[in-house]
C-alpha atoms as a PDB file:
ATOM      1  CA  MET A   1       2.322  -6.549  25.502  1.00  0.00           C
ATOM      2  CA  ALA A   2       3.952  -5.645  22.224  1.00  0.00           C
ATOM      3  CA  GLU A   3       2.519  -3.500  19.645  1.00  0.00           C
ATOM      4  CA  ARG A   4       0.968  -5.428  16.697  1.00  0.00           C
ATOM      5  CA  GLN A   5       2.755  -4.718  13.436  1.00  0.00           C
ATOM      6  CA  THR A   6       0.764  -3.925  10.350  1.00  0.00           C
ATOM      7  CA  PHE A   7       1.910  -4.747   6.952  1.00  0.00           C
ATOM      8  CA  ILE A   8       0.167  -3.533   3.707  1.00  0.00           C
ATOM      9  CA  ILE A   9       0.627  -6.045   0.850  1.00  0.00           C
ATOM     10  CA  HIS A  10       1.400  -4.070  -2.419  1.00  0.00           C
ATOM     11  CA  THR A  11       2.540  -7.301  -4.334  1.00  0.00           C
ATOM     12  CA  PHE A  12       3.390 -10.768  -3.723  1.00  0.00           C
ATOM     13  CA  THR A  13       4.685 -13.947  -5.254  1.00  0.00           C
ATOM     14  CA  MET A  14       3.125 -17.310  -4.113  1.00  0.00           C
ATOM     15  CA  ALA A  15       5.894 -20.120  -3.879  1.00  0.00           C
ATOM     16  CA  SER A  16       5.641 -23.810  -3.037  1.00  0.00           C
ATOM     17  CA  ASP A  17       7.812 -24.503   0.222  1.00  0.00           C
ATOM     18  CA  LEU A  18       8.526 -28.169  -0.419  1.00  0.00           C
ATOM     19  CA  ASN A  19      10.652 -28.465   2.794  1.00  0.00           C
ATOM     20  CA  GLU A  20       7.945 -27.232   5.015  1.00  0.00           C
ATOM     21  CA  ASP A  21       4.996 -28.580   2.826  1.00  0.00           C
ATOM     22  CA  ARG A  22       3.483 -25.002   3.182  1.00  0.00           C
ATOM     23  CA  ILE A  23       2.683 -22.222   0.741  1.00  0.00           C
ATOM     24  CA  ARG A  24       4.881 -19.209   0.892  1.00  0.00           C
ATOM     25  CA  LEU A  25       3.872 -15.499   0.060  1.00  0.00           C
ATOM     26  CA  HIS A  26       7.000 -13.372  -0.578  1.00  0.00           C
ATOM     27  CA  ALA A  27       5.058 -10.202   0.029  1.00  0.00           C
ATOM     28  CA  VAL A  28       6.250  -6.599  -0.486  1.00  0.00           C
ATOM     29  CA  ASP A  29       4.870  -3.418   0.754  1.00  0.00           C
ATOM     30  CA  PRO A  30       4.725   0.074  -0.953  1.00  0.00           C
ATOM     31  CA  ALA A  31       7.962   1.078   0.950  1.00  0.00           C
ATOM     32  CA  GLY A  32       9.890  -1.900  -0.377  1.00  0.00           C
ATOM     33  CA  GLN A  33       9.878  -3.999   2.871  1.00  0.00           C
ATOM     34  CA  PHE A  34       9.660  -7.646   2.454  1.00  0.00           C
ATOM     35  CA  GLN A  35       7.738 -10.280   4.514  1.00  0.00           C
ATOM     36  CA  ALA A  36       7.591 -14.008   4.203  1.00  0.00           C
ATOM     37  CA  ILE A  37       4.116 -15.413   5.011  1.00  0.00           C
ATOM     38  CA  PHE A  38       3.525 -19.018   5.464  1.00  0.00           C
ATOM     39  CA  LEU A  39       0.114 -20.752   5.095  1.00  0.00           C
ATOM     40  CA  THR A  40      -0.449 -24.430   6.057  1.00  0.00           C
ATOM     41  CA  ARG A  41      -2.472 -26.821   3.793  1.00  0.00           C
ATOM     42  CA  ARG A  42      -5.174 -26.814   6.433  1.00  0.00           C
ATOM     43  CA  LEU A  43      -5.852 -23.095   6.340  1.00  0.00           C
ATOM     44  CA  ALA A  44      -5.425 -22.826   2.615  1.00  0.00           C
ATOM     45  CA  ASP A  45      -8.100 -25.648   2.057  1.00  0.00           C
ATOM     46  CA  ARG A  46     -10.443 -23.407   4.423  1.00  0.00           C
ATOM     47  CA  PHE A  47      -9.568 -20.101   2.498  1.00  0.00           C
ATOM     48  CA  VAL A  48      -9.866 -21.393  -1.167  1.00  0.00           C
ATOM     49  CA  PRO A  49     -13.633 -22.075  -1.132  1.00  0.00           C
ATOM     50  CA  VAL A  50     -14.142 -18.730   0.805  1.00  0.00           C
ATOM     51  CA  LEU A  51     -12.270 -16.992  -2.094  1.00  0.00           C
ATOM     52  CA  ALA A  52     -14.139 -18.895  -4.682  1.00  0.00           C
ATOM     53  CA  GLU A  53     -17.611 -18.064  -3.136  1.00  0.00           C
ATOM     54  CA  ARG A  54     -16.719 -14.381  -3.177  1.00  0.00           C
ATOM     55  CA  ALA A  55     -15.865 -14.491  -6.780  1.00  0.00           C
ATOM     56  CA  GLU A  56     -19.152 -16.462  -7.632  1.00  0.00           C
ATOM     57  CA  LYS A  57     -21.080 -13.716  -5.630  1.00  0.00           C
ATOM     58  CA  ALA A  58     -19.843 -11.108  -8.104  1.00  0.00           C
ATOM     59  CA  VAL A  59     -21.518 -12.879 -11.084  1.00  0.00           C
ATOM     60  CA  SER A  60     -25.119 -12.266 -11.986  1.00  0.00           C
ATOM     61  CA  GLY A  61     -27.293 -12.233 -15.069  1.00  0.00           C
ATOM     62  CA  PRO A  62     -28.912 -14.815 -17.381  1.00  0.00           C
ATOM     63  CA  ILE A  63     -25.796 -16.977 -18.374  1.00  0.00           C
ATOM     64  CA  PRO A  64     -24.809 -19.483 -15.685  1.00  0.00           C
ATOM     65  CA  GLY A  65     -22.297 -18.319 -13.326  1.00  0.00           C
ATOM     66  CA  ASP A  66     -19.954 -21.407 -13.714  1.00  0.00           C
ATOM     67  CA  LEU A  67     -19.648 -20.555 -17.494  1.00  0.00           C
ATOM     68  CA  VAL A  68     -19.152 -16.875 -17.160  1.00  0.00           C
ATOM     69  CA  LEU A  69     -16.297 -17.600 -14.458  1.00  0.00           C
ATOM     70  CA  SER A  70     -14.728 -20.277 -16.555  1.00  0.00           C
ATOM     71  CA  ILE A  71     -14.481 -17.783 -19.754  1.00  0.00           C
ATOM     72  CA  GLU A  72     -13.237 -15.156 -17.403  1.00  0.00           C
ATOM     73  CA  GLN A  73     -10.730 -17.503 -15.848  1.00  0.00           C
ATOM     74  CA  GLU A  74      -9.264 -18.563 -19.385  1.00  0.00           C
ATOM     75  CA  ARG A  75      -9.187 -14.725 -20.310  1.00  0.00           C
ATOM     76  CA  LEU A  76      -7.214 -14.040 -17.167  1.00  0.00           C
ATOM     77  CA  ARG A  77      -4.784 -16.828 -17.853  1.00  0.00           C
ATOM     78  CA  MET A  78      -4.229 -15.716 -21.393  1.00  0.00           C
ATOM     79  CA  GLU A  79      -3.663 -12.171 -20.362  1.00  0.00           C
ATOM     80  CA  ARG A  80      -1.190 -13.261 -17.619  1.00  0.00           C
ATOM     81  CA  ASP A  81       0.718 -15.360 -20.168  1.00  0.00           C
ATOM     82  CA  SER A  82       0.995 -12.470 -22.643  1.00  0.00           C
ATOM     83  CA  ASN A  83       1.815  -9.952 -19.938  1.00  0.00           C
ATOM     84  CA  PRO A  84       4.181 -11.672 -17.264  1.00  0.00           C
ATOM     85  CA  GLN A  85       4.855  -9.782 -14.218  1.00  0.00           C
ATOM     86  CA  PRO A  86       8.268 -10.060 -12.596  1.00  0.00           C
ATOM     87  CA  PRO A  87       8.178 -12.233  -9.574  1.00  0.00           C
ATOM     88  CA  VAL A  88       8.814 -10.721  -5.940  1.00  0.00           C
ATOM     89  CA  GLU A  89      12.125 -12.196  -5.233  1.00  0.00           C
ATOM     90  CA  ALA A  90      12.618 -13.697  -1.846  1.00  0.00           C
ATOM     91  CA  VAL A  91      15.198 -11.843   0.352  1.00  0.00           C
ATOM     92  CA  PRO A  92      17.067 -13.812   2.995  1.00  0.00           C
ATOM     93  CA  ASP A  93      16.154 -11.082   5.920  1.00  0.00           C
ATOM     94  CA  ALA A  94      12.575 -10.987   5.149  1.00  0.00           C
ATOM     95  CA  LEU A  95      10.572 -11.585   8.354  1.00  0.00           C
ATOM     96  CA  PRO A  96       8.991 -14.965   8.205  1.00  0.00           C
ATOM     97  CA  TRP A  97       5.926 -15.888   9.991  1.00  0.00           C
ATOM     98  CA  LEU A  98       2.997 -18.406  10.035  1.00  0.00           C
ATOM     99  CA  CYS A  99      -0.361 -17.029   9.363  1.00  0.00           C
ATOM    100  CA  THR A 100      -2.769 -18.631  11.634  1.00  0.00           C
ATOM    101  CA  THR A 101      -5.950 -17.013  10.445  1.00  0.00           C
ATOM    102  CA  ILE A 102      -7.303 -15.048   7.414  1.00  0.00           C
ATOM    103  CA  HIS A 103     -10.124 -12.542   7.527  1.00  0.00           C
ATOM    104  CA  MET A 104     -11.872 -11.450   4.385  1.00  0.00           C
ATOM    105  CA  SER A 105     -14.349  -8.547   4.361  1.00  0.00           C
ATOM    106  CA  ASP A 106     -15.902  -6.376   1.410  1.00  0.00           C
ATOM    107  CA  ASN A 107     -13.972  -3.260   0.694  1.00  0.00           C
ATOM    108  CA  PRO A 108     -16.034   0.070   0.454  1.00  0.00           C
ATOM    109  CA  GLN A 109     -14.324   0.775  -2.771  1.00  0.00           C
ATOM    110  CA  GLY A 110     -15.178  -2.569  -4.330  1.00  0.00           C
ATOM    111  CA  GLY A 111     -13.448  -6.059  -4.203  1.00  0.00           C
ATOM    112  CA  VAL A 112     -12.355  -7.501  -0.936  1.00  0.00           C
ATOM    113  CA  GLN A 113      -9.752  -6.846   1.797  1.00  0.00           C
ATOM    114  CA  ILE A 114      -7.765  -9.936   3.067  1.00  0.00           C
ATOM    115  CA  ASP A 115      -6.283  -9.997   6.396  1.00  0.00           C
ATOM    116  CA  PHE A 116      -3.551 -12.485   7.035  1.00  0.00           C
ATOM    117  CA  THR A 117      -2.692 -12.570  10.852  1.00  0.00           C
ATOM    118  CA  ASP A 118      -0.806 -14.591  13.365  1.00  0.00           C
ATOM    119  CA  GLU A 119      -3.446 -13.340  15.844  1.00  0.00           C
ATOM    120  CA  ARG A 120      -0.725 -12.209  18.239  1.00  0.00           C
ATOM    121  CA  SER A 121       1.767  -9.693  16.663  1.00  0.00           C
ATOM    122  CA  ILE A 122       1.157  -8.999  12.988  1.00  0.00           C
ATOM    123  CA  ASP A 123      -1.492  -8.194  10.355  1.00  0.00           C
ATOM    124  CA  ALA A 124      -0.789  -8.177   6.758  1.00  0.00           C
ATOM    125  CA  TYR A 125      -3.453  -6.605   4.523  1.00  0.00           C
ATOM    126  CA  LEU A 126      -4.198  -7.044   0.758  1.00  0.00           C
ATOM    127  CA  GLY A 127      -6.884  -5.410  -1.333  1.00  0.00           C
ATOM    128  CA  LEU A 128      -7.895  -7.222  -4.385  1.00  0.00           C
ATOM    129  CA  ASP A 129     -10.435  -6.382  -7.106  1.00  0.00           C
ATOM    130  CA  GLU A 130     -12.706  -9.080  -8.602  1.00  0.00           C
ATOM    131  CA  GLN A 131     -10.195  -9.875 -11.231  1.00  0.00           C
ATOM    132  CA  SER A 132      -7.223  -9.924  -8.826  1.00  0.00           C
ATOM    133  CA  LEU A 133      -9.415 -12.363  -6.742  1.00  0.00           C
ATOM    134  CA  ARG A 134      -9.732 -14.755  -9.567  1.00  0.00           C
ATOM    135  CA  ALA A 135      -5.999 -14.600 -10.258  1.00  0.00           C
ATOM    136  CA  MET A 136      -5.214 -15.327  -6.688  1.00  0.00           C
ATOM    137  CA  LEU A 137      -7.459 -18.458  -7.038  1.00  0.00           C
ATOM    138  CA  ASP A 138      -5.429 -19.264 -10.056  1.00  0.00           C
ATOM    139  CA  VAL A 139      -2.203 -18.914  -8.329  1.00  0.00           C
ATOM    140  CA  PHE A 140      -3.283 -21.020  -5.576  1.00  0.00           C
ATOM    141  CA  LEU A 141      -4.293 -23.784  -8.000  1.00  0.00           C
ATOM    142  CA  ILE A 142      -0.825 -23.769  -9.618  1.00  0.00           C
ATOM    143  CA  THR A 143       0.704 -23.628  -6.112  1.00  0.00           C
ATOM    144  CA  TYR A 144      -1.355 -26.834  -4.964  1.00  0.00           C
ATOM    145  CA  ARG A 145      -0.310 -28.665  -7.938  1.00  0.00           C
ATOM    146  CA  ASN A 146       3.224 -28.074  -7.395  1.00  0.00           C
ATOM    147  CA  LEU A 147       2.911 -29.322  -3.802  1.00  0.00           C
ATOM    148  CA  GLY A 148       0.977 -32.328  -4.974  1.00  0.00           C
ATOM    149  CA  TRP A 149      -2.040 -31.336  -2.803  1.00  0.00           C
ATOM    150  CA  SER A 150      -5.532 -32.273  -3.513  1.00  0.00           C
ATOM    151  CA  GLU A 151      -7.594 -29.779  -5.644  1.00  0.00           C
ATOM    152  CA  ASP A 152     -10.867 -30.622  -3.948  1.00  0.00           C
ATOM    153  CA  ALA A 153     -11.027 -27.159  -2.415  1.00  0.00           C
ATOM    154  CA  PHE A 154     -11.317 -25.563  -5.925  1.00  0.00           C
ATOM    155  CA  PRO A 155     -14.676 -25.315  -7.721  1.00  0.00           C
ATOM    156  CA  ASP A 156     -14.861 -26.864 -11.350  1.00  0.00           C
ATOM    157  CA  TRP A 157     -14.764 -23.349 -13.007  1.00  0.00           C
ATOM    158  CA  VAL A 158     -11.084 -22.903 -11.581  1.00  0.00           C
ATOM    159  CA  ARG A 159      -9.684 -26.330 -12.394  1.00  0.00           C
ATOM    160  CA  SER A 160     -11.502 -27.845 -15.231  1.00  0.00           C
ATOM    161  CA  ARG A 161     -11.426 -25.152 -17.934  1.00  0.00           C
ATOM    162  CA  GLY A 162      -7.981 -25.131 -19.520  1.00  0.00           C
ATOM    163  CA  GLU A 163      -5.255 -26.538 -17.449  1.00  0.00           C
ATOM    164  CA  ALA A 164      -3.363 -24.110 -15.119  1.00  0.00           C
ATOM    165  CA  GLN A 165       0.134 -24.227 -16.576  1.00  0.00           C
ATOM    166  CA  PRO A 166       2.839 -24.675 -14.068  1.00  0.00           C
ATOM    167  CA  VAL A 167       5.486 -21.892 -14.154  1.00  0.00           C
ATOM    168  CA  GLN A 168       9.199 -22.099 -12.969  1.00  0.00           C
ATOM    169  CA  ARG A 169       9.432 -22.410  -9.159  1.00  0.00           C
ATOM    170  CA  GLY A 170       9.512 -19.107  -7.518  1.00  0.00           C
ATOM    171  CA  ALA A 171       7.942 -17.275 -10.332  1.00  0.00           C
ATOM    172  CA  LEU A 172       4.301 -17.043  -9.358  1.00  0.00           C
ATOM    173  CA  ASN A 173       2.489 -13.891  -9.069  1.00  0.00           C
END
């Protein structure tokens, strides 16, 4: 049996693959190695609510959680618009593979760890703090819109407060 490969995602760009009707993560590790991770709509539709639940779990206090998260989401969007990050460019020799399962667990240092896996030969790990987790939800929303997918998987605080602005194809971080 072949040894499982481990890939630590340092940063990624989420892209809409219209030909495959899938989401593609162009990911790079700290050493500069690239991978292209494909997510099906079915898997993404299951993962997005879990991400949202995790973000909601982090909110407490007397102010309603949806309101707090809506405000935080708008703040995050304004910061992203004023400080754009360069996208991870797709490279032709990046190892493409289909993610079949996503595991999410609490990170002992705070935030979450997400494990994208094909359950056979590769695991790609991504650590996110609470703000990055909400940013990932926003990027998923933009990608869903680019693909013309239903937004039913997203809570109102992600999709209703201010429209997520589409950006140039291939430029999502």
